[in-house]
Amino acid sequence: MTQIPEKNVLLRVSIVEDDAPGREILVDWLAHAEGFQVVSQFSNGEEGLQALPCQKPDVVLMDIKLPGMSGVECVRQLKPLLLKTQFVMHTVYEDSNHIFNALQAGATGYLLKQSGHDELLAAIKYVHTGGSPMTSYIARRVAQCFPSATDQTHEDNDLSPREREVIGMLARGFLYKEIAESLNISVRTVDTYIRRIYEKLHVRSRAQAVAKYVSFPFSTSRPTNSR
């Protein structure tokens, strides 16, 4: 494990990636981007599991295929210890099993390694502010993890008009504070609506709720809000 010198920055990021050249690229991108600090990097999950609970980064970029412990299992064990840390899977795997297992383990975002520099940085900022970054393709794969409409009741029909409005704004990339301001309600009320939405859709995260509700899931890049 290599420690990175600290800087006066906003977002503290750790990287768990066994491919050394790929890890160096990520470190270089973050080190030269304003508002980021790479606090540590690891070549396997065991090292990350030992050190990250003490470091408490804001965001962890986690590969899935690691020597020894998988990235999914590493997230599963770390999430209860780092409740405020957001985990973004950074991987080549596009299949539904890997995606669903990662989200179930506690990952908040899922990016393919083909994602570019700007997309990666935007995803880290987005996840830190309450979003669930995914490419549109991955979000559609998430939707496929759920039973089809012909195999289940239409849970979205149980949503109230205001709950539909809230989840629609979530899908367009609005933050809780922005939803509250737009609907002239408190952030606490927004949180209450979202918890009810999760219960009615039988999901546990924003990513799952949006992917299940909308036909065309949002992408990593946050769209411009039209008010």
Protein backbone atom coordinates (compact mmCIF):
# COMPACT_ATOMS: atom_id res chain seq x y z
CA MET A 1 0.00 0.00 0.00
CA THR A 2 1.34 3.42 -0.97
CA GLN A 3 0.41 6.55 0.96
CA ILE A 4 -0.12 9.74 -1.04
CA PRO A 5 0.94 13.17 0.27
CA GLU A 6 -1.98 15.23 1.55
CA LYS A 7 -3.23 18.45 -0.04
CA ASN A 8 -5.84 21.00 0.89
CA VAL A 9 -8.68 19.51 -1.12
CA LEU A 10 -12.32 18.59 -0.69
CA LEU A 11 -12.85 14.97 -1.67
CA ARG A 12 -10.70 12.24 -0.13
CA VAL A 13 -10.48 9.24 -2.46
CA SER A 14 -8.93 5.80 -2.04
CA ILE A 15 -8.31 3.33 -4.86
CA VAL A 16 -8.34 -0.47 -4.70
CA GLU A 17 -6.99 -1.76 -8.02
CA ASP A 18 -4.57 -4.62 -8.68
CA ASP A 19 -3.52 -3.44 -12.16
CA ALA A 20 -0.55 -1.16 -11.45
CA PRO A 21 -0.63 0.86 -14.73
CA GLY A 22 -4.38 1.36 -14.42
CA ARG A 23 -4.01 2.40 -10.78
CA GLU A 24 -1.30 4.91 -11.70
CA ILE A 25 -3.58 6.47 -14.32
CA LEU A 26 -6.36 6.92 -11.76
CA VAL A 27 -3.96 8.43 -9.24
CA ASP A 28 -2.61 10.81 -11.88
CA TRP A 29 -6.09 11.92 -12.94
CA LEU A 30 -7.14 12.64 -9.38
CA ALA A 31 -3.84 14.18 -8.29
CA HIS A 32 -4.04 16.76 -11.08
CA ALA A 33 -7.75 17.54 -10.69
CA GLU A 34 -8.92 20.39 -8.50
CA GLY A 35 -10.89 19.36 -5.44
CA PHE A 36 -9.55 15.82 -5.00
CA GLN A 37 -7.07 14.12 -2.70
CA VAL A 38 -5.91 10.55 -3.19
CA VAL A 39 -5.33 9.41 0.38
CA SER A 40 -4.24 5.85 -0.40
CA GLN A 41 -4.05 3.13 -3.01
CA PHE A 42 -4.12 -0.64 -2.61
CA SER A 43 -3.38 -3.58 -4.87
CA ASN A 44 -5.73 -5.99 -3.10
CA GLY A 45 -8.84 -6.04 -0.96
CA GLU A 46 -7.17 -7.41 2.15
CA GLU A 47 -4.94 -4.35 2.47
CA GLY A 48 -7.89 -2.06 1.86
CA LEU A 49 -10.00 -3.85 4.44
CA GLN A 50 -7.29 -3.38 7.06
CA ALA A 51 -6.46 0.28 6.39
CA LEU A 52 -9.60 2.00 5.09
CA PRO A 53 -11.62 1.94 8.35
CA CYS A 54 -8.93 4.14 9.91
CA GLN A 55 -8.52 6.42 6.89
CA LYS A 56 -12.26 7.01 6.36
CA PRO A 57 -12.11 8.31 2.77
CA ASP A 58 -15.12 10.04 1.24
CA VAL A 59 -15.13 7.78 -1.82
CA VAL A 60 -13.50 4.45 -2.65
CA LEU A 61 -12.93 3.36 -6.26
CA MET A 62 -13.08 -0.44 -6.09
CA ASP A 63 -12.13 -2.97 -8.75
CA ILE A 64 -14.13 -6.22 -8.70
CA LYS A 65 -11.56 -8.76 -9.85
CA LEU A 66 -8.78 -8.64 -7.26
CA PRO A 67 -6.28 -11.25 -6.14
CA GLY A 68 -7.69 -13.03 -3.10
CA MET A 69 -10.77 -11.23 -1.77
CA SER A 70 -13.04 -9.86 -4.50
CA GLY A 71 -13.93 -6.19 -4.65
CA VAL A 72 -17.58 -7.02 -3.99
CA GLU A 73 -16.71 -8.92 -0.81
CA CYS A 74 -14.39 -6.12 0.26
CA VAL A 75 -17.24 -3.60 -0.07
CA ARG A 76 -19.57 -5.94 1.79
CA GLN A 77 -17.22 -6.04 4.78
CA LEU A 78 -16.23 -2.38 4.66
CA LYS A 79 -19.66 -0.79 4.31
CA PRO A 80 -20.79 -1.48 7.92
CA LEU A 81 -17.51 0.04 9.12
CA LEU A 82 -17.64 3.07 6.82
CA LEU A 83 -21.26 4.18 6.70
CA LYS A 84 -20.39 7.64 5.36
CA THR A 85 -18.01 6.37 2.69
CA GLN A 86 -19.36 5.91 -0.83
CA PHE A 87 -18.13 2.94 -2.87
CA VAL A 88 -17.97 3.12 -6.65
CA MET A 89 -17.15 -0.08 -8.51
CA HIS A 90 -14.66 0.52 -11.33
CA THR A 91 -14.55 -2.60 -13.45
CA VAL A 92 -14.70 -4.28 -16.84
CA TYR A 93 -17.64 -6.49 -15.86
CA GLU A 94 -20.94 -5.59 -17.53
CA ASP A 95 -23.10 -8.60 -16.60
CA SER A 96 -26.14 -8.34 -14.36
CA ASN A 97 -24.80 -10.68 -11.67
CA HIS A 98 -21.72 -8.57 -10.95
CA ILE A 99 -23.71 -5.33 -11.05
CA PHE A 100 -26.48 -6.57 -8.77
CA ASN A 101 -24.07 -8.23 -6.31
CA ALA A 102 -22.05 -5.02 -6.05
CA LEU A 103 -25.13 -2.89 -5.35
CA GLN A 104 -26.40 -5.43 -2.83
CA ALA A 105 -23.03 -5.36 -1.08
CA GLY A 106 -23.28 -1.60 -0.59
CA ALA A 107 -21.80 0.01 -3.70
CA THR A 108 -23.43 3.31 -4.63
CA GLY A 109 -22.11 3.59 -8.17
CA TYR A 110 -20.91 1.31 -10.96
CA LEU A 111 -18.57 2.51 -13.71
CA LEU A 112 -16.88 0.63 -16.52
CA LYS A 113 -13.14 1.08 -16.89
CA GLN A 114 -13.66 2.45 -20.37
CA SER A 115 -15.13 5.56 -18.73
CA GLY A 116 -13.06 8.62 -19.53
CA HIS A 117 -11.32 11.17 -17.35
CA ASP A 118 -14.17 13.69 -17.15
CA GLU A 119 -16.78 10.98 -16.59
CA LEU A 120 -14.84 9.48 -13.71
CA LEU A 121 -14.28 12.80 -11.93
CA ALA A 122 -17.94 13.77 -12.41
CA ALA A 123 -19.00 10.40 -10.97
CA ILE A 124 -16.91 10.86 -7.84
CA LYS A 125 -18.34 14.34 -7.26
CA TYR A 126 -21.84 13.09 -7.97
CA VAL A 127 -21.70 10.15 -5.58
CA HIS A 128 -20.34 12.41 -2.84
CA THR A 129 -23.35 14.73 -3.17
CA GLY A 130 -25.90 11.94 -2.92
CA GLY A 131 -26.07 10.57 -6.45
CA SER A 132 -25.63 7.04 -7.79
CA PRO A 133 -23.38 7.33 -10.84
CA MET A 134 -23.77 4.76 -13.60
CA THR A 135 -23.51 4.82 -17.35
CA SER A 136 -26.87 4.51 -19.09
CA TYR A 137 -25.95 1.00 -20.23
CA ILE A 138 -25.19 -0.14 -16.68
CA ALA A 139 -28.37 1.46 -15.34
CA ARG A 140 -30.38 -0.51 -17.89
CA ARG A 141 -28.62 -3.67 -16.75
CA VAL A 142 -29.61 -2.83 -13.19
CA ALA A 143 -33.22 -2.60 -14.31
CA GLN A 144 -32.91 -6.08 -15.79
CA CYS A 145 -32.00 -7.44 -12.36
CA PHE A 146 -35.61 -6.91 -11.31
CA PRO A 147 -38.60 -9.02 -12.38
CA SER A 148 -40.24 -7.84 -15.57
CA ALA A 149 -43.50 -5.93 -15.49
CA THR A 150 -45.36 -9.06 -16.61
CA ASP A 151 -44.07 -10.96 -13.58
CA GLN A 152 -44.93 -8.45 -10.89
CA THR A 153 -47.48 -5.92 -9.84
CA HIS A 154 -46.82 -2.39 -10.97
CA GLU A 155 -45.38 -0.99 -7.75
CA ASP A 156 -45.07 2.41 -9.37
CA ASN A 157 -48.86 2.56 -9.49
CA ASP A 158 -48.77 2.64 -5.67
CA LEU A 159 -46.76 5.85 -5.67
CA SER A 160 -48.62 9.04 -4.86
CA PRO A 161 -48.45 11.96 -7.33
CA ARG A 162 -45.94 13.74 -5.08
CA GLU A 163 -43.81 10.56 -4.76
CA ARG A 164 -43.80 10.24 -8.56
CA GLU A 165 -42.69 13.85 -8.77
CA VAL A 166 -39.87 13.25 -6.29
CA ILE A 167 -38.53 10.12 -7.99
CA GLY A 168 -38.78 11.85 -11.34
CA MET A 169 -36.53 14.60 -10.04
CA LEU A 170 -34.16 12.01 -8.59
CA ALA A 171 -33.92 10.44 -12.04
CA ARG A 172 -33.01 13.82 -13.54
CA GLY A 173 -30.14 14.20 -11.11
CA PHE A 174 -31.59 16.59 -8.52
CA LEU A 175 -30.13 16.53 -5.00
CA TYR A 176 -32.36 16.37 -1.92
CA LYS A 177 -31.84 20.07 -1.24
CA GLU A 178 -32.74 20.98 -4.81
CA ILE A 179 -35.90 18.86 -4.69
CA ALA A 180 -36.90 20.54 -1.44
CA GLU A 181 -36.38 24.00 -2.89
CA SER A 182 -38.22 23.19 -6.11
CA LEU A 183 -41.23 21.66 -4.33
CA ASN A 184 -41.14 24.19 -1.46
CA ILE A 185 -40.83 21.49 1.19
CA SER A 186 -38.17 20.65 3.77
CA VAL A 187 -35.22 18.32 3.14
CA ARG A 188 -36.58 16.12 5.94
CA THR A 189 -39.88 15.80 4.05
CA VAL A 190 -37.98 14.85 0.89
CA ASP A 191 -36.18 12.17 2.86
CA THR A 192 -39.53 10.85 4.12
CA TYR A 193 -40.91 10.65 0.58
CA ILE A 194 -37.82 8.83 -0.63
CA ARG A 195 -37.97 6.28 2.19
CA ARG A 196 -41.61 5.59 1.26
CA ILE A 197 -40.63 5.23 -2.39
CA TYR A 198 -37.95 2.68 -1.46
CA GLU A 199 -40.47 0.70 0.55
CA LYS A 200 -43.08 0.69 -2.22
CA LEU A 201 -40.59 -0.26 -4.94
CA HIS A 202 -38.87 -2.81 -2.68
CA VAL A 203 -35.40 -1.33 -3.20
CA ARG A 204 -32.62 -0.18 -0.91
CA SER A 205 -30.84 2.56 -2.85
CA ARG A 206 -31.39 5.52 -5.13
CA ALA A 207 -29.74 3.66 -8.01
CA GLN A 208 -32.11 0.71 -7.71
CA ALA A 209 -35.17 2.95 -7.31
CA VAL A 210 -34.43 5.06 -10.37
CA ALA A 211 -33.41 2.09 -12.52
CA LYS A 212 -36.61 0.28 -11.59
CA TYR A 213 -38.92 3.24 -12.12
CA VAL A 214 -37.76 4.90 -15.30
CA SER A 215 -37.52 3.50 -18.80
CA PHE A 216 -34.32 5.32 -19.65
CA PRO A 217 -32.07 5.49 -16.57
CA PHE A 218 -29.90 8.54 -15.98
CA SER A 219 -26.27 8.49 -16.96
CA THR A 220 -23.14 9.29 -14.98
CA SER A 221 -23.02 12.84 -16.27
CA ARG A 222 -25.56 14.85 -14.38
CA PRO A 223 -27.98 16.56 -16.79
CA THR A 224 -28.68 20.25 -16.71
CA ASN A 225 -31.72 20.95 -14.59
CA SER A 226 -34.52 22.85 -16.28
CA ARG A 227 -36.68 24.70 -13.80
